[in-house]
N, C-alpha and C. Protein backbone atom coordinates (compact mmCIF):
# COMPACT_ATOMS: atom_id res chain seq x y z
N VAL A 1 -14.92 -106.80 -139.81
CA VAL A 1 -14.62 -108.07 -139.07
C VAL A 1 -13.09 -108.21 -138.95
N GLN A 2 -12.61 -108.64 -137.77
CA GLN A 2 -11.21 -108.80 -137.54
C GLN A 2 -11.03 -110.20 -136.86
N LEU A 3 -10.01 -110.96 -137.28
CA LEU A 3 -9.57 -112.18 -136.62
C LEU A 3 -8.25 -112.06 -135.96
N VAL A 4 -8.06 -112.43 -134.70
CA VAL A 4 -6.80 -112.14 -134.00
C VAL A 4 -6.37 -113.54 -133.40
N GLU A 5 -5.19 -114.00 -133.84
CA GLU A 5 -4.66 -115.24 -133.26
C GLU A 5 -3.77 -114.85 -132.07
N SER A 6 -3.56 -115.90 -131.28
CA SER A 6 -2.63 -115.84 -130.27
C SER A 6 -2.22 -117.27 -129.86
N GLY A 7 -0.93 -117.31 -129.18
CA GLY A 7 -0.64 -118.68 -128.66
C GLY A 7 0.68 -119.16 -129.31
N GLY A 8 1.07 -118.63 -130.44
CA GLY A 8 2.28 -119.17 -131.03
C GLY A 8 3.54 -118.94 -130.18
N ASP A 9 4.52 -119.86 -130.27
CA ASP A 9 5.59 -119.93 -129.45
C ASP A 9 6.72 -120.77 -129.95
N LEU A 10 7.84 -120.80 -129.30
CA LEU A 10 8.86 -121.71 -129.50
C LEU A 10 8.64 -122.85 -128.51
N VAL A 11 8.62 -124.12 -129.06
CA VAL A 11 8.37 -125.27 -128.18
C VAL A 11 9.35 -126.39 -128.56
N GLN A 12 9.67 -127.25 -127.66
CA GLN A 12 10.55 -128.43 -128.01
C GLN A 12 9.81 -129.48 -128.70
N PRO A 13 10.43 -130.32 -129.46
CA PRO A 13 9.79 -131.49 -130.07
C PRO A 13 9.11 -132.32 -128.91
N GLY A 14 7.89 -132.79 -129.35
CA GLY A 14 7.07 -133.52 -128.29
C GLY A 14 6.21 -132.64 -127.45
N GLY A 15 6.44 -131.31 -127.50
CA GLY A 15 5.68 -130.39 -126.63
C GLY A 15 4.29 -130.16 -127.20
N SER A 16 3.56 -129.28 -126.49
CA SER A 16 2.19 -128.94 -126.78
C SER A 16 2.04 -127.38 -126.81
N LEU A 17 1.01 -126.97 -127.59
CA LEU A 17 0.67 -125.58 -127.64
C LEU A 17 -0.81 -125.43 -127.88
N ARG A 18 -1.48 -124.34 -127.49
CA ARG A 18 -2.86 -124.15 -127.90
C ARG A 18 -2.92 -122.76 -128.57
N LEU A 19 -3.41 -122.70 -129.73
CA LEU A 19 -3.72 -121.56 -130.42
C LEU A 19 -5.08 -121.08 -130.31
N SER A 20 -5.33 -119.81 -130.23
CA SER A 20 -6.62 -119.23 -130.16
C SER A 20 -6.88 -118.25 -131.21
N CYS A 21 -8.12 -118.19 -131.68
CA CYS A 21 -8.55 -117.19 -132.70
C CYS A 21 -9.88 -116.51 -132.18
N VAL A 22 -9.94 -115.22 -132.12
CA VAL A 22 -11.08 -114.47 -131.77
C VAL A 22 -11.51 -113.68 -133.02
N ALA A 23 -12.79 -113.72 -133.32
CA ALA A 23 -13.39 -112.86 -134.26
C ALA A 23 -14.24 -111.77 -133.67
N SER A 24 -14.08 -110.62 -134.21
CA SER A 24 -14.78 -109.52 -133.65
C SER A 24 -15.30 -108.58 -134.76
N GLY A 25 -16.30 -107.78 -134.51
CA GLY A 25 -16.82 -106.96 -135.53
C GLY A 25 -18.32 -107.12 -135.73
N SER A 26 -18.86 -106.70 -136.75
CA SER A 26 -20.28 -106.88 -137.18
C SER A 26 -20.47 -108.30 -137.68
N ILE A 27 -20.72 -109.19 -136.80
CA ILE A 27 -20.85 -110.70 -137.20
C ILE A 27 -22.38 -111.05 -137.08
N PHE A 28 -22.92 -111.58 -138.18
CA PHE A 28 -24.31 -112.17 -138.09
C PHE A 28 -24.12 -113.68 -137.75
N SER A 29 -23.24 -114.35 -138.41
CA SER A 29 -22.95 -115.80 -138.08
C SER A 29 -21.56 -116.17 -138.58
N ILE A 30 -21.02 -117.20 -137.89
CA ILE A 30 -19.72 -117.74 -138.41
C ILE A 30 -20.13 -119.09 -138.89
N ASN A 31 -19.94 -119.33 -140.23
CA ASN A 31 -20.34 -120.60 -140.78
C ASN A 31 -19.32 -121.66 -140.66
N ALA A 32 -18.05 -121.38 -140.64
CA ALA A 32 -16.92 -122.38 -140.46
C ALA A 32 -15.80 -121.63 -140.00
N MET A 33 -14.96 -122.35 -139.20
CA MET A 33 -13.76 -121.81 -138.65
C MET A 33 -12.62 -122.78 -138.91
N GLY A 34 -11.48 -122.25 -139.09
CA GLY A 34 -10.42 -123.15 -139.48
C GLY A 34 -9.02 -122.55 -139.14
N TRP A 35 -8.03 -123.51 -139.33
CA TRP A 35 -6.64 -123.20 -139.18
C TRP A 35 -5.84 -123.61 -140.46
N TYR A 36 -4.94 -122.81 -140.97
CA TYR A 36 -4.11 -123.05 -142.01
C TYR A 36 -2.66 -122.88 -141.51
N ARG A 37 -1.66 -123.28 -142.22
CA ARG A 37 -0.29 -122.99 -141.90
C ARG A 37 0.57 -122.91 -143.11
N GLN A 38 1.61 -122.11 -142.99
CA GLN A 38 2.54 -121.95 -144.10
C GLN A 38 3.94 -121.92 -143.64
N ALA A 39 4.66 -123.04 -144.04
CA ALA A 39 6.05 -123.13 -143.66
C ALA A 39 6.85 -122.39 -144.60
N LEU A 40 8.09 -121.94 -144.18
CA LEU A 40 8.95 -121.14 -145.13
C LEU A 40 9.24 -121.82 -146.44
N GLY A 41 8.95 -121.13 -147.55
CA GLY A 41 9.15 -121.74 -148.88
C GLY A 41 8.12 -122.67 -149.38
N LYS A 42 7.08 -122.88 -148.64
CA LYS A 42 5.99 -123.79 -148.94
C LYS A 42 4.60 -123.04 -149.11
N GLN A 43 3.70 -123.69 -149.76
CA GLN A 43 2.36 -123.14 -149.91
C GLN A 43 1.56 -123.24 -148.62
N ARG A 44 0.68 -122.35 -148.44
CA ARG A 44 -0.24 -122.48 -147.31
C ARG A 44 -1.08 -123.73 -147.39
N GLU A 45 -1.30 -124.44 -146.30
CA GLU A 45 -1.98 -125.71 -146.33
C GLU A 45 -3.13 -125.76 -145.23
N LEU A 46 -4.12 -126.42 -145.45
CA LEU A 46 -5.11 -126.65 -144.44
C LEU A 46 -4.65 -127.52 -143.30
N VAL A 47 -4.88 -127.09 -142.08
CA VAL A 47 -4.72 -127.93 -140.91
C VAL A 47 -5.97 -128.59 -140.42
N ALA A 48 -7.05 -127.72 -140.16
CA ALA A 48 -8.12 -128.27 -139.66
C ALA A 48 -9.34 -127.30 -139.81
N ILE A 49 -10.53 -127.79 -139.89
CA ILE A 49 -11.75 -126.96 -140.10
C ILE A 49 -12.83 -127.57 -139.16
N ILE A 50 -13.56 -126.56 -138.57
CA ILE A 50 -14.78 -127.08 -137.82
C ILE A 50 -15.98 -126.22 -138.27
N THR A 51 -17.14 -126.85 -138.61
CA THR A 51 -18.26 -126.16 -139.05
C THR A 51 -19.09 -125.67 -137.91
N SER A 52 -20.06 -124.89 -138.16
CA SER A 52 -20.91 -124.22 -137.09
C SER A 52 -21.70 -125.49 -136.51
N GLY A 53 -21.85 -126.65 -137.17
CA GLY A 53 -22.54 -127.72 -136.58
C GLY A 53 -21.62 -128.67 -135.80
N GLY A 54 -20.24 -128.37 -135.83
CA GLY A 54 -19.35 -129.11 -135.10
C GLY A 54 -18.64 -130.22 -135.85
N ARG A 55 -18.95 -130.30 -137.15
CA ARG A 55 -18.18 -131.33 -137.96
C ARG A 55 -16.76 -130.76 -138.15
N THR A 56 -15.75 -131.74 -137.98
CA THR A 56 -14.37 -131.35 -138.15
C THR A 56 -13.67 -132.08 -139.28
N THR A 57 -12.80 -131.42 -139.90
CA THR A 57 -11.83 -132.00 -140.84
C THR A 57 -10.48 -131.77 -140.39
N VAL A 58 -9.60 -132.78 -140.41
CA VAL A 58 -8.23 -132.50 -139.90
C VAL A 58 -7.22 -133.23 -141.03
N ALA A 59 -6.19 -132.42 -141.32
CA ALA A 59 -5.23 -132.93 -142.31
C ALA A 59 -4.57 -134.22 -141.80
N ASP A 60 -4.35 -135.11 -142.73
CA ASP A 60 -3.68 -136.34 -142.32
C ASP A 60 -2.41 -136.12 -141.59
N SER A 61 -1.63 -135.20 -141.91
CA SER A 61 -0.33 -134.94 -141.26
C SER A 61 -0.40 -134.60 -139.81
N VAL A 62 -1.47 -134.23 -139.38
CA VAL A 62 -1.60 -133.82 -137.91
C VAL A 62 -2.73 -134.63 -137.24
N LYS A 63 -3.36 -135.58 -137.94
CA LYS A 63 -4.38 -136.30 -137.34
C LYS A 63 -3.97 -137.11 -136.11
N GLY A 64 -4.75 -137.02 -135.04
CA GLY A 64 -4.25 -137.73 -133.85
C GLY A 64 -3.38 -136.78 -132.87
N ARG A 65 -2.89 -135.75 -133.40
CA ARG A 65 -1.99 -134.87 -132.64
C ARG A 65 -2.69 -133.51 -132.40
N PHE A 66 -3.41 -133.09 -133.36
CA PHE A 66 -4.09 -131.70 -133.31
C PHE A 66 -5.60 -131.91 -133.19
N THR A 67 -6.15 -130.96 -132.44
CA THR A 67 -7.61 -130.93 -132.36
C THR A 67 -8.11 -129.60 -132.41
N ILE A 68 -9.18 -129.40 -133.22
CA ILE A 68 -9.84 -128.06 -133.37
C ILE A 68 -11.18 -128.10 -132.55
N SER A 69 -11.38 -126.94 -131.88
CA SER A 69 -12.57 -126.85 -131.12
C SER A 69 -13.06 -125.43 -131.21
N ARG A 70 -14.25 -125.09 -130.78
CA ARG A 70 -14.88 -123.79 -130.90
C ARG A 70 -15.69 -123.39 -129.69
N ASP A 71 -15.75 -122.14 -129.37
CA ASP A 71 -16.70 -121.60 -128.36
C ASP A 71 -17.57 -120.69 -129.20
N ASN A 72 -18.76 -121.02 -129.64
CA ASN A 72 -19.59 -120.06 -130.41
C ASN A 72 -19.92 -118.86 -129.72
N ALA A 73 -20.23 -119.00 -128.48
CA ALA A 73 -20.70 -117.76 -127.68
C ALA A 73 -19.63 -116.65 -127.60
N LYS A 74 -18.42 -117.11 -127.71
CA LYS A 74 -17.27 -116.15 -127.59
C LYS A 74 -16.64 -115.89 -129.04
N ASN A 75 -17.29 -116.46 -130.09
CA ASN A 75 -16.68 -116.29 -131.45
C ASN A 75 -15.24 -116.59 -131.47
N THR A 76 -14.94 -117.75 -130.75
CA THR A 76 -13.45 -118.07 -130.66
C THR A 76 -13.33 -119.49 -130.95
N TRP A 77 -12.19 -119.88 -131.62
CA TRP A 77 -11.86 -121.25 -131.91
C TRP A 77 -10.43 -121.56 -131.55
N TYR A 78 -10.11 -122.76 -131.33
CA TYR A 78 -8.81 -123.21 -130.79
C TYR A 78 -8.24 -124.32 -131.65
N LEU A 79 -6.98 -124.41 -131.60
CA LEU A 79 -6.21 -125.51 -132.13
C LEU A 79 -5.22 -126.02 -131.04
N GLU A 80 -5.61 -127.17 -130.53
CA GLU A 80 -4.83 -127.86 -129.59
C GLU A 80 -3.75 -128.74 -130.25
N MET A 81 -2.48 -128.44 -129.97
CA MET A 81 -1.46 -129.20 -130.74
C MET A 81 -0.58 -129.91 -129.75
N SER A 82 -0.36 -131.21 -129.97
CA SER A 82 0.44 -132.00 -129.11
C SER A 82 1.37 -132.88 -129.92
N SER A 83 2.39 -133.49 -129.17
CA SER A 83 3.34 -134.24 -129.94
C SER A 83 3.93 -133.49 -131.08
N LEU A 84 4.31 -132.25 -130.85
CA LEU A 84 4.72 -131.36 -131.91
C LEU A 84 6.08 -131.95 -132.52
N LYS A 85 6.21 -131.71 -133.85
CA LYS A 85 7.43 -132.08 -134.56
C LYS A 85 8.01 -130.95 -135.17
N PRO A 86 9.29 -130.93 -135.53
CA PRO A 86 9.94 -129.88 -136.23
C PRO A 86 9.24 -129.49 -137.50
N GLU A 87 8.66 -130.43 -138.18
CA GLU A 87 7.91 -130.13 -139.42
C GLU A 87 6.66 -129.45 -139.22
N ASP A 88 6.23 -129.20 -137.98
CA ASP A 88 5.01 -128.44 -137.66
C ASP A 88 5.37 -127.00 -137.68
N THR A 89 6.63 -126.69 -137.69
CA THR A 89 7.08 -125.22 -137.64
C THR A 89 6.48 -124.53 -138.89
N ALA A 90 5.76 -123.41 -138.63
CA ALA A 90 5.11 -122.67 -139.63
C ALA A 90 4.42 -121.33 -139.00
N VAL A 91 4.00 -120.55 -139.86
CA VAL A 91 3.12 -119.45 -139.47
C VAL A 91 1.62 -120.00 -139.56
N TYR A 92 0.96 -119.97 -138.49
CA TYR A 92 -0.40 -120.52 -138.40
C TYR A 92 -1.35 -119.44 -138.57
N TYR A 93 -2.34 -119.54 -139.46
CA TYR A 93 -3.34 -118.56 -139.72
C TYR A 93 -4.66 -119.07 -139.32
N CYS A 94 -5.55 -118.34 -138.77
CA CYS A 94 -6.92 -118.68 -138.59
C CYS A 94 -7.68 -118.02 -139.67
N ASN A 95 -8.85 -118.77 -140.00
CA ASN A 95 -9.70 -118.42 -141.11
C ASN A 95 -11.06 -118.65 -140.70
N ALA A 96 -12.01 -117.82 -141.22
CA ALA A 96 -13.35 -118.07 -140.97
C ALA A 96 -14.31 -117.58 -142.21
N ASP A 97 -15.39 -118.46 -142.37
CA ASP A 97 -16.38 -118.05 -143.28
C ASP A 97 -17.53 -117.35 -142.51
N ILE A 98 -17.61 -116.00 -142.76
CA ILE A 98 -18.50 -115.22 -141.86
C ILE A 98 -19.44 -114.49 -142.62
N SER A 99 -20.67 -114.47 -142.12
CA SER A 99 -21.80 -113.68 -142.71
C SER A 99 -21.95 -112.38 -141.80
N THR A 100 -21.92 -111.23 -142.39
CA THR A 100 -22.16 -109.99 -141.72
C THR A 100 -23.59 -109.63 -141.77
N ARG A 101 -24.27 -110.32 -142.62
CA ARG A 101 -25.79 -110.10 -142.78
C ARG A 101 -26.29 -111.41 -143.53
N PRO A 102 -27.58 -111.62 -143.43
CA PRO A 102 -28.10 -112.84 -144.04
C PRO A 102 -27.75 -112.96 -145.52
N PHE A 103 -27.46 -114.12 -145.90
CA PHE A 103 -27.20 -114.49 -147.34
C PHE A 103 -25.95 -113.73 -147.82
N SER A 104 -25.04 -113.43 -147.05
CA SER A 104 -23.79 -112.82 -147.39
C SER A 104 -22.65 -113.45 -146.63
N ARG A 105 -21.66 -114.08 -147.48
CA ARG A 105 -20.57 -114.81 -146.84
C ARG A 105 -19.31 -114.39 -147.36
N LYS A 106 -18.27 -114.32 -146.62
CA LYS A 106 -16.96 -113.86 -147.04
C LYS A 106 -15.88 -114.59 -146.20
N ASP A 107 -14.77 -114.81 -146.78
CA ASP A 107 -13.65 -115.45 -146.11
C ASP A 107 -12.93 -114.29 -145.32
N TYR A 108 -12.53 -114.51 -144.12
CA TYR A 108 -11.51 -113.73 -143.41
C TYR A 108 -10.36 -114.44 -142.89
N TRP A 109 -9.33 -113.63 -142.68
CA TRP A 109 -7.92 -114.27 -142.29
C TRP A 109 -7.48 -113.47 -141.11
N GLY A 110 -6.78 -114.19 -140.23
CA GLY A 110 -6.01 -113.51 -139.22
C GLY A 110 -4.57 -113.09 -139.71
N GLN A 111 -3.79 -112.59 -138.88
CA GLN A 111 -2.46 -112.00 -139.23
C GLN A 111 -1.41 -113.09 -139.20
N GLY A 112 -1.70 -114.17 -138.54
CA GLY A 112 -0.76 -115.31 -138.30
C GLY A 112 0.04 -115.24 -137.10
N THR A 113 0.36 -116.37 -136.63
CA THR A 113 1.09 -116.57 -135.44
C THR A 113 2.21 -117.62 -135.65
N GLN A 114 3.41 -117.36 -135.26
CA GLN A 114 4.54 -118.23 -135.43
C GLN A 114 4.55 -119.38 -134.47
N VAL A 115 4.71 -120.61 -134.99
CA VAL A 115 4.90 -121.75 -134.14
C VAL A 115 6.31 -122.35 -134.65
N THR A 116 7.25 -122.50 -133.64
CA THR A 116 8.56 -122.99 -133.96
C THR A 116 8.78 -124.19 -133.04
N VAL A 117 9.02 -125.29 -133.67
CA VAL A 117 9.36 -126.58 -132.91
C VAL A 117 10.80 -126.85 -133.10
N SER A 118 11.47 -126.69 -132.02
CA SER A 118 12.95 -126.86 -132.12
C SER A 118 13.54 -127.15 -130.72
N SER A 119 14.59 -128.01 -130.73
CA SER A 119 15.25 -128.17 -129.47
C SER A 119 16.53 -127.12 -129.31
């Protein structure tokens, strides 16, 4: 199983970006999909999670500005980011809880995509 992110870029404060993550490989089911970020010198932190049933959890620091969504048919999920701030600058990682066969679950991570918010 591989996760591949895309969409990271340099953007001005107040701007918007959309990150995408595609999962490929021998996938039986994707149980939850998420986004994490890690700023330089800081620990990796949760940004948002969406379950297979559509329930979402969003970090307080991005609530109202970031939205997570998914396309189950394409094994793809997205992070829509708006009103970006310099403190949103980080490497963003996608994450998924994936079953490659029934009753087997494992966490997978993408390679990360850089988001830089700066004027």
